[in-house]
Amino acid sequence: MKKIVFLLIAFFSISCFAQEEMSLIDKNSDTLTLETVDVPPTSTNCVGESKNEKSNCFNEKMSQHLRKHFKYPNKAAEDNIQGKVVVSFVINKEGKVVDIQTNGGHKILQKEAKRIISLLPNFTPAVKNGKPVNIMYSIPINFKLR
């Protein structure tokens, strides 16, 4: 039987993908990116004072979550389906993950990527000018069989 390997591409690049996704957001939208907020969203058990410390903690918690909840779909393994799925989502003003969208890869892989992100807990929302704001993130997930 084939060994299944799950690779996550550069979690530290989450902010880069968040910035690239800005072009997909309506210019009149109140959804921002990591670069444009004063305080990024954080996990309830993240500590740190600086924006960088909070971002690093968020990225680490995201990595842990993905590793914990990832399951390579049986049908994808049986049919040797592999690929990269980019998952975009918004952490809203209440800290809830909403508007999960996938792009790329096979539909079976997209479904698994969406399932993993839908299991994310609530966060402390991002802040801009002292007020909670919506923020968009995108995470690439590689599904690879070995």
C-alpha atoms as a PDB file:
ATOM      1  CA  MET A   1       0.000   0.000   0.000  1.00  0.00           C
ATOM      2  CA  LYS A   2       1.231   3.474  -0.763  1.00  0.00           C
ATOM      3  CA  LYS A   3       2.413   5.674   2.054  1.00  0.00           C
ATOM      4  CA  ILE A   4       0.419   8.845   2.280  1.00  0.00           C
ATOM      5  CA  VAL A   5       2.235  12.115   2.801  1.00  0.00           C
ATOM      6  CA  PHE A   6       0.672  15.452   3.491  1.00  0.00           C
ATOM      7  CA  LEU A   7       2.701  18.546   2.676  1.00  0.00           C
ATOM      8  CA  LEU A   8       1.752  22.041   3.639  1.00  0.00           C
ATOM      9  CA  ILE A   9       3.457  24.721   1.658  1.00  0.00           C
ATOM     10  CA  ALA A  10       5.128  27.489   3.609  1.00  0.00           C
ATOM     11  CA  PHE A  11       2.758  28.455   6.374  1.00  0.00           C
ATOM     12  CA  PHE A  12       4.834  31.545   6.957  1.00  0.00           C
ATOM     13  CA  SER A  13       3.673  32.664   3.520  1.00  0.00           C
ATOM     14  CA  ILE A  14       0.049  32.902   4.621  1.00  0.00           C
ATOM     15  CA  SER A  15       0.373  36.667   4.705  1.00  0.00           C
ATOM     16  CA  CYS A  16       1.725  36.701   1.154  1.00  0.00           C
ATOM     17  CA  PHE A  17      -1.280  34.793  -0.080  1.00  0.00           C
ATOM     18  CA  ALA A  18      -3.574  37.032   1.932  1.00  0.00           C
ATOM     19  CA  GLN A  19      -2.070  40.041   0.181  1.00  0.00           C
ATOM     20  CA  GLU A  20      -2.380  38.483  -3.281  1.00  0.00           C
ATOM     21  CA  GLU A  21      -6.035  37.728  -2.656  1.00  0.00           C
ATOM     22  CA  MET A  22      -6.781  41.436  -2.160  1.00  0.00           C
ATOM     23  CA  SER A  23      -7.432  41.764  -5.877  1.00  0.00           C
ATOM     24  CA  LEU A  24     -10.323  39.322  -5.473  1.00  0.00           C
ATOM     25  CA  ILE A  25     -11.997  41.531  -2.872  1.00  0.00           C
ATOM     26  CA  ASP A  26     -14.416  44.247  -3.905  1.00  0.00           C
ATOM     27  CA  LYS A  27     -12.694  47.590  -3.307  1.00  0.00           C
ATOM     28  CA  ASN A  28     -15.758  48.705  -1.319  1.00  0.00           C
ATOM     29  CA  SER A  29     -15.604  45.585   0.859  1.00  0.00           C
ATOM     30  CA  ASP A  30     -14.710  45.824   4.512  1.00  0.00           C
ATOM     31  CA  THR A  31     -12.522  42.710   4.235  1.00  0.00           C
ATOM     32  CA  LEU A  32      -8.846  43.479   4.745  1.00  0.00           C
ATOM     33  CA  THR A  33      -5.554  41.583   4.493  1.00  0.00           C
ATOM     34  CA  LEU A  34      -2.882  40.892   7.073  1.00  0.00           C
ATOM     35  CA  GLU A  35      -0.722  43.702   5.740  1.00  0.00           C
ATOM     36  CA  THR A  36      -3.438  46.318   6.254  1.00  0.00           C
ATOM     37  CA  VAL A  37      -4.551  45.517   9.823  1.00  0.00           C
ATOM     38  CA  ASP A  38      -3.060  46.844  13.048  1.00  0.00           C
ATOM     39  CA  VAL A  39      -3.515  43.575  14.951  1.00  0.00           C
ATOM     40  CA  PRO A  40      -3.853  40.213  13.176  1.00  0.00           C
ATOM     41  CA  PRO A  41      -6.414  37.625  14.243  1.00  0.00           C
ATOM     42  CA  THR A  42      -5.105  35.315  16.930  1.00  0.00           C
ATOM     43  CA  SER A  43      -5.881  32.029  18.533  1.00  0.00           C
ATOM     44  CA  THR A  44      -7.276  32.416  22.037  1.00  0.00           C
ATOM     45  CA  ASN A  45      -4.134  30.825  23.493  1.00  0.00           C
ATOM     46  CA  CYS A  46      -1.621  32.969  21.591  1.00  0.00           C
ATOM     47  CA  VAL A  47       0.467  35.389  23.571  1.00  0.00           C
ATOM     48  CA  GLY A  48       2.736  38.127  22.353  1.00  0.00           C
ATOM     49  CA  GLU A  49       2.773  41.846  22.030  1.00  0.00           C
ATOM     50  CA  SER A  50       3.914  42.530  18.493  1.00  0.00           C
ATOM     51  CA  LYS A  51       2.070  41.995  15.240  1.00  0.00           C
ATOM     52  CA  ASN A  52       4.860  39.655  14.151  1.00  0.00           C
ATOM     53  CA  GLU A  53       4.614  37.508  17.309  1.00  0.00           C
ATOM     54  CA  LYS A  54       0.852  37.227  16.927  1.00  0.00           C
ATOM     55  CA  SER A  55       1.170  36.342  13.238  1.00  0.00           C
ATOM     56  CA  ASN A  56       3.758  33.674  14.010  1.00  0.00           C
ATOM     57  CA  CYS A  57       1.537  32.178  16.701  1.00  0.00           C
ATOM     58  CA  PHE A  58      -1.442  32.182  14.328  1.00  0.00           C
ATOM     59  CA  ASN A  59       0.613  30.410  11.660  1.00  0.00           C
ATOM     60  CA  GLU A  60       1.812  27.780  14.141  1.00  0.00           C
ATOM     61  CA  LYS A  61      -1.726  27.130  15.409  1.00  0.00           C
ATOM     62  CA  MET A  62      -2.928  26.853  11.807  1.00  0.00           C
ATOM     63  CA  SER A  63      -0.194  24.301  11.041  1.00  0.00           C
ATOM     64  CA  GLN A  64      -1.125  22.268  14.111  1.00  0.00           C
ATOM     65  CA  HIS A  65      -4.791  22.320  13.153  1.00  0.00           C
ATOM     66  CA  LEU A  66      -4.131  21.173   9.600  1.00  0.00           C
ATOM     67  CA  ARG A  67      -1.875  18.322  10.733  1.00  0.00           C
ATOM     68  CA  LYS A  68      -4.396  17.213  13.341  1.00  0.00           C
ATOM     69  CA  HIS A  69      -7.447  17.184  11.066  1.00  0.00           C
ATOM     70  CA  PHE A  70      -5.962  16.138   7.722  1.00  0.00           C
ATOM     71  CA  LYS A  71      -7.200  12.850   6.218  1.00  0.00           C
ATOM     72  CA  TYR A  72      -6.176  11.910   2.711  1.00  0.00           C
ATOM     73  CA  PRO A  73      -9.458  10.984   0.988  1.00  0.00           C
ATOM     74  CA  ASN A  74      -9.635   7.210   0.366  1.00  0.00           C
ATOM     75  CA  LYS A  75     -11.000   7.647  -3.156  1.00  0.00           C
ATOM     76  CA  ALA A  76      -8.178  10.071  -3.991  1.00  0.00           C
ATOM     77  CA  ALA A  77      -5.565   7.604  -2.698  1.00  0.00           C
ATOM     78  CA  GLU A  78      -7.160   4.694  -4.593  1.00  0.00           C
ATOM     79  CA  ASP A  79      -7.263   6.683  -7.834  1.00  0.00           C
ATOM     80  CA  ASN A  80      -3.801   8.232  -7.318  1.00  0.00           C
ATOM     81  CA  ILE A  81      -5.282  11.745  -7.250  1.00  0.00           C
ATOM     82  CA  GLN A  82      -2.805  14.402  -6.150  1.00  0.00           C
ATOM     83  CA  GLY A  83      -2.562  18.161  -6.447  1.00  0.00           C
ATOM     84  CA  LYS A  84      -2.505  21.572  -4.838  1.00  0.00           C
ATOM     85  CA  VAL A  85      -5.628  23.226  -3.488  1.00  0.00           C
ATOM     86  CA  VAL A  86      -5.640  26.869  -2.437  1.00  0.00           C
ATOM     87  CA  VAL A  87      -8.198  27.502   0.290  1.00  0.00           C
ATOM     88  CA  SER A  88      -9.367  31.088   0.831  1.00  0.00           C
ATOM     89  CA  PHE A  89     -11.469  32.121   3.793  1.00  0.00           C
ATOM     90  CA  VAL A  90     -12.463  35.114   5.864  1.00  0.00           C
ATOM     91  CA  ILE A  91     -12.101  35.486   9.604  1.00  0.00           C
ATOM     92  CA  ASN A  92     -14.962  37.867  10.292  1.00  0.00           C
ATOM     93  CA  LYS A  93     -15.401  40.616  12.883  1.00  0.00           C
ATOM     94  CA  GLU A  94     -16.709  38.041  15.362  1.00  0.00           C
ATOM     95  CA  GLY A  95     -13.658  35.805  14.845  1.00  0.00           C
ATOM     96  CA  LYS A  96     -15.601  33.137  12.925  1.00  0.00           C
ATOM     97  CA  VAL A  97     -14.280  31.441   9.791  1.00  0.00           C
ATOM     98  CA  VAL A  98     -16.681  32.144   6.914  1.00  0.00           C
ATOM     99  CA  ASP A  99     -16.783  32.216   3.114  1.00  0.00           C
ATOM    100  CA  ILE A 100     -14.513  29.203   2.559  1.00  0.00           C
ATOM    101  CA  GLN A 101     -13.581  28.822  -1.108  1.00  0.00           C
ATOM    102  CA  THR A 102     -11.246  26.438  -2.902  1.00  0.00           C
ATOM    103  CA  ASN A 103      -9.328  26.714  -6.125  1.00  0.00           C
ATOM    104  CA  GLY A 104      -7.222  24.187  -8.014  1.00  0.00           C
ATOM    105  CA  GLY A 105      -6.806  20.474  -7.617  1.00  0.00           C
ATOM    106  CA  HIS A 106      -9.404  17.735  -7.939  1.00  0.00           C
ATOM    107  CA  LYS A 107     -12.878  18.201  -6.427  1.00  0.00           C
ATOM    108  CA  ILE A 108     -12.223  15.386  -3.947  1.00  0.00           C
ATOM    109  CA  LEU A 109      -9.149  17.260  -2.682  1.00  0.00           C
ATOM    110  CA  GLN A 110     -11.054  20.548  -2.606  1.00  0.00           C
ATOM    111  CA  LYS A 111     -13.728  18.951  -0.451  1.00  0.00           C
ATOM    112  CA  GLU A 112     -11.132  17.716   2.074  1.00  0.00           C
ATOM    113  CA  ALA A 113      -9.380  21.091   2.169  1.00  0.00           C
ATOM    114  CA  LYS A 114     -12.699  22.843   2.798  1.00  0.00           C
ATOM    115  CA  ARG A 115     -13.593  20.339   5.535  1.00  0.00           C
ATOM    116  CA  ILE A 116     -10.323  20.974   7.368  1.00  0.00           C
ATOM    117  CA  ILE A 117     -10.766  24.752   7.294  1.00  0.00           C
ATOM    118  CA  SER A 118     -14.421  24.480   8.356  1.00  0.00           C
ATOM    119  CA  LEU A 119     -13.217  22.829  11.583  1.00  0.00           C
ATOM    120  CA  LEU A 120     -11.137  25.849  12.613  1.00  0.00           C
ATOM    121  CA  PRO A 121     -12.092  27.279  15.992  1.00  0.00           C
ATOM    122  CA  ASN A 122     -13.147  30.865  16.514  1.00  0.00           C
ATOM    123  CA  PHE A 123     -10.373  33.437  16.729  1.00  0.00           C
ATOM    124  CA  THR A 124      -9.869  36.782  18.336  1.00  0.00           C
ATOM    125  CA  PRO A 125     -10.656  38.996  15.310  1.00  0.00           C
ATOM    126  CA  ALA A 126      -8.190  41.256  13.534  1.00  0.00           C
ATOM    127  CA  VAL A 127      -8.243  44.921  14.520  1.00  0.00           C
ATOM    128  CA  LYS A 128      -7.871  48.087  12.461  1.00  0.00           C
ATOM    129  CA  ASN A 129      -8.091  51.536  14.076  1.00  0.00           C
ATOM    130  CA  GLY A 130      -9.272  49.963  17.320  1.00  0.00           C
ATOM    131  CA  LYS A 131     -12.205  48.101  15.721  1.00  0.00           C
ATOM    132  CA  PRO A 132     -12.625  44.420  14.778  1.00  0.00           C
ATOM    133  CA  VAL A 133     -12.452  43.819  11.021  1.00  0.00           C
ATOM    134  CA  ASN A 134     -12.896  41.002   8.507  1.00  0.00           C
ATOM    135  CA  ILE A 135      -9.636  39.593   7.160  1.00  0.00           C
ATOM    136  CA  MET A 136      -9.022  37.250   4.232  1.00  0.00           C
ATOM    137  CA  TYR A 137      -6.505  34.405   4.256  1.00  0.00           C
ATOM    138  CA  SER A 138      -5.419  31.907   1.633  1.00  0.00           C
ATOM    139  CA  ILE A 139      -3.523  28.720   2.343  1.00  0.00           C
ATOM    140  CA  PRO A 140      -2.070  26.371  -0.274  1.00  0.00           C
ATOM    141  CA  ILE A 141      -2.368  22.677   0.620  1.00  0.00           C
ATOM    142  CA  ASN A 142      -0.469  20.029  -1.347  1.00  0.00           C
ATOM    143  CA  PHE A 143      -1.950  16.566  -1.508  1.00  0.00           C
ATOM    144  CA  LYS A 144       0.793  14.153  -2.487  1.00  0.00           C
ATOM    145  CA  LEU A 145       1.044  10.371  -2.489  1.00  0.00           C
ATOM    146  CA  ARG A 146       4.370   8.711  -2.165  1.00  0.00           C
END
